[in-house]
Amino acid sequence: MAIFYPLLILGLLGIFMGVVLSLANKYLAVVEDPRIDDIEALLPNYNCGACGTPGCRAFAVAILKGEVENLRKCKPGKVDKHFNPILEYLKDHPNPDGTYNNIKI
């Protein structure tokens, strides 16, 4: 009978921790703007840091936050291949509050 107490305690502890992790996953989830992935795909993806951010993903986040005023900060980017598609994408996909990003080439 004494052998069942540790098994019972460990089983209950496992169930409790599973419930805690499940609730933490539900209530502490981070929702990321899906436009970040789309804009990152439109960038050259050299991750060179020439724009002043650590990589293309950080540059895409800065574009969406309005921290970048000019897309020409991306040195390897080309106007027709990268910048114009980004501007078109931003026109078609405004911010969640309905405003548009004021960004230039």
Protein backbone atom coordinates (compact mmCIF):
# COMPACT_ATOMS: atom_id res chain seq x y z
CA MET A 1 0.00 0.00 0.00
CA ALA A 2 2.88 2.37 0.74
CA ILE A 3 4.05 2.09 -2.87
CA PHE A 4 0.84 3.67 -4.18
CA TYR A 5 1.23 6.98 -2.30
CA PRO A 6 4.17 8.22 -4.40
CA LEU A 7 2.40 7.13 -7.59
CA LEU A 8 -0.78 8.91 -6.51
CA ILE A 9 1.09 12.09 -5.59
CA LEU A 10 3.09 12.13 -8.84
CA GLY A 11 -0.04 11.43 -10.89
CA LEU A 12 -1.96 14.28 -9.25
CA LEU A 13 1.03 16.58 -9.61
CA GLY A 14 1.26 15.70 -13.31
CA ILE A 15 -2.43 16.41 -13.85
CA PHE A 16 -2.15 19.73 -11.98
CA MET A 17 0.88 20.81 -14.01
CA GLY A 18 -0.84 19.81 -17.24
CA VAL A 19 -3.85 21.98 -16.37
CA VAL A 20 -1.58 24.91 -15.44
CA LEU A 21 0.36 24.62 -18.72
CA SER A 22 -2.86 24.36 -20.69
CA LEU A 23 -4.26 27.52 -19.09
CA ALA A 24 -0.97 29.36 -19.54
CA ASN A 25 -0.95 28.45 -23.22
CA LYS A 26 -4.48 29.78 -23.62
CA TYR A 27 -4.22 33.02 -21.65
CA LEU A 28 -0.58 33.97 -22.26
CA ALA A 29 -0.57 33.44 -26.02
CA VAL A 30 1.04 36.19 -28.09
CA VAL A 31 -0.90 37.22 -31.18
CA GLU A 32 1.38 38.45 -33.95
CA ASP A 33 0.29 40.58 -36.88
CA PRO A 34 -0.01 38.22 -39.88
CA ARG A 35 1.10 41.03 -42.22
CA ILE A 36 4.65 40.76 -40.85
CA ASP A 37 5.24 37.44 -42.63
CA ASP A 38 3.81 38.79 -45.89
CA ILE A 39 5.96 41.94 -45.87
CA GLU A 40 9.03 39.95 -44.88
CA ALA A 41 8.44 37.70 -47.90
CA LEU A 42 8.34 40.79 -50.15
CA LEU A 43 11.70 42.04 -48.85
CA PRO A 44 14.98 40.76 -50.38
CA ASN A 45 15.67 38.58 -47.28
CA TYR A 46 19.40 39.20 -47.19
CA ASN A 47 19.21 39.94 -43.44
CA CYS A 48 22.19 42.25 -43.95
CA GLY A 49 21.21 44.91 -41.40
CA ALA A 50 22.02 47.75 -43.82
CA CYS A 51 18.63 49.32 -43.02
CA GLY A 52 19.56 49.74 -39.36
CA THR A 53 17.52 46.80 -38.06
CA PRO A 54 18.85 43.34 -37.17
CA GLY A 55 17.25 41.72 -40.21
CA CYS A 56 14.38 41.71 -42.67
CA ARG A 57 11.82 40.58 -40.09
CA ALA A 58 12.68 43.47 -37.79
CA PHE A 59 12.47 45.83 -40.78
CA ALA A 60 9.00 44.45 -41.62
CA VAL A 61 7.89 45.04 -38.02
CA ALA A 62 9.27 48.59 -38.16
CA ILE A 63 7.37 49.21 -41.41
CA LEU A 64 4.10 48.14 -39.83
CA LYS A 65 4.72 50.13 -36.65
CA GLY A 66 5.38 53.26 -38.72
CA GLU A 67 8.97 53.57 -37.53
CA VAL A 68 10.28 53.51 -41.11
CA GLU A 69 9.45 56.52 -43.26
CA ASN A 70 11.38 55.51 -46.37
CA LEU A 71 11.69 52.04 -47.88
CA ARG A 72 15.03 53.01 -49.44
CA LYS A 73 16.64 52.26 -46.08
CA CYS A 74 16.70 48.69 -47.38
CA LYS A 75 19.87 48.94 -49.47
CA PRO A 76 19.62 45.68 -51.46
CA GLY A 77 15.93 46.25 -52.24
CA LYS A 78 14.83 47.26 -55.75
CA VAL A 79 11.95 49.63 -56.49
CA ASP A 80 10.04 47.44 -58.93
CA LYS A 81 10.83 44.11 -57.34
CA HIS A 82 10.45 44.90 -53.62
CA PHE A 83 9.24 48.40 -52.76
CA ASN A 84 6.26 48.78 -55.11
CA PRO A 85 4.76 45.41 -54.09
CA ILE A 86 5.12 46.39 -50.43
CA LEU A 87 3.33 49.71 -51.03
CA GLU A 88 0.54 47.92 -52.91
CA TYR A 89 0.23 45.37 -50.12
CA LEU A 90 0.00 48.10 -47.49
CA LYS A 91 -2.71 49.87 -49.51
CA ASP A 92 -4.73 46.65 -49.68
CA HIS A 93 -4.15 45.70 -46.02
CA PRO A 94 -4.58 48.68 -43.68
CA ASN A 95 -3.79 48.65 -39.97
CA PRO A 96 -6.32 46.95 -37.65
CA ASP A 97 -7.75 50.37 -36.71
CA GLY A 98 -8.35 51.21 -40.38
CA THR A 99 -5.50 53.70 -40.83
CA TYR A 100 -2.88 53.40 -43.53
CA ASN A 101 0.89 53.42 -43.16
CA ASN A 102 2.42 56.66 -44.40
CA ILE A 103 5.53 55.31 -46.06
CA LYS A 104 7.43 56.39 -49.16
CA ILE A 105 9.95 54.83 -51.48
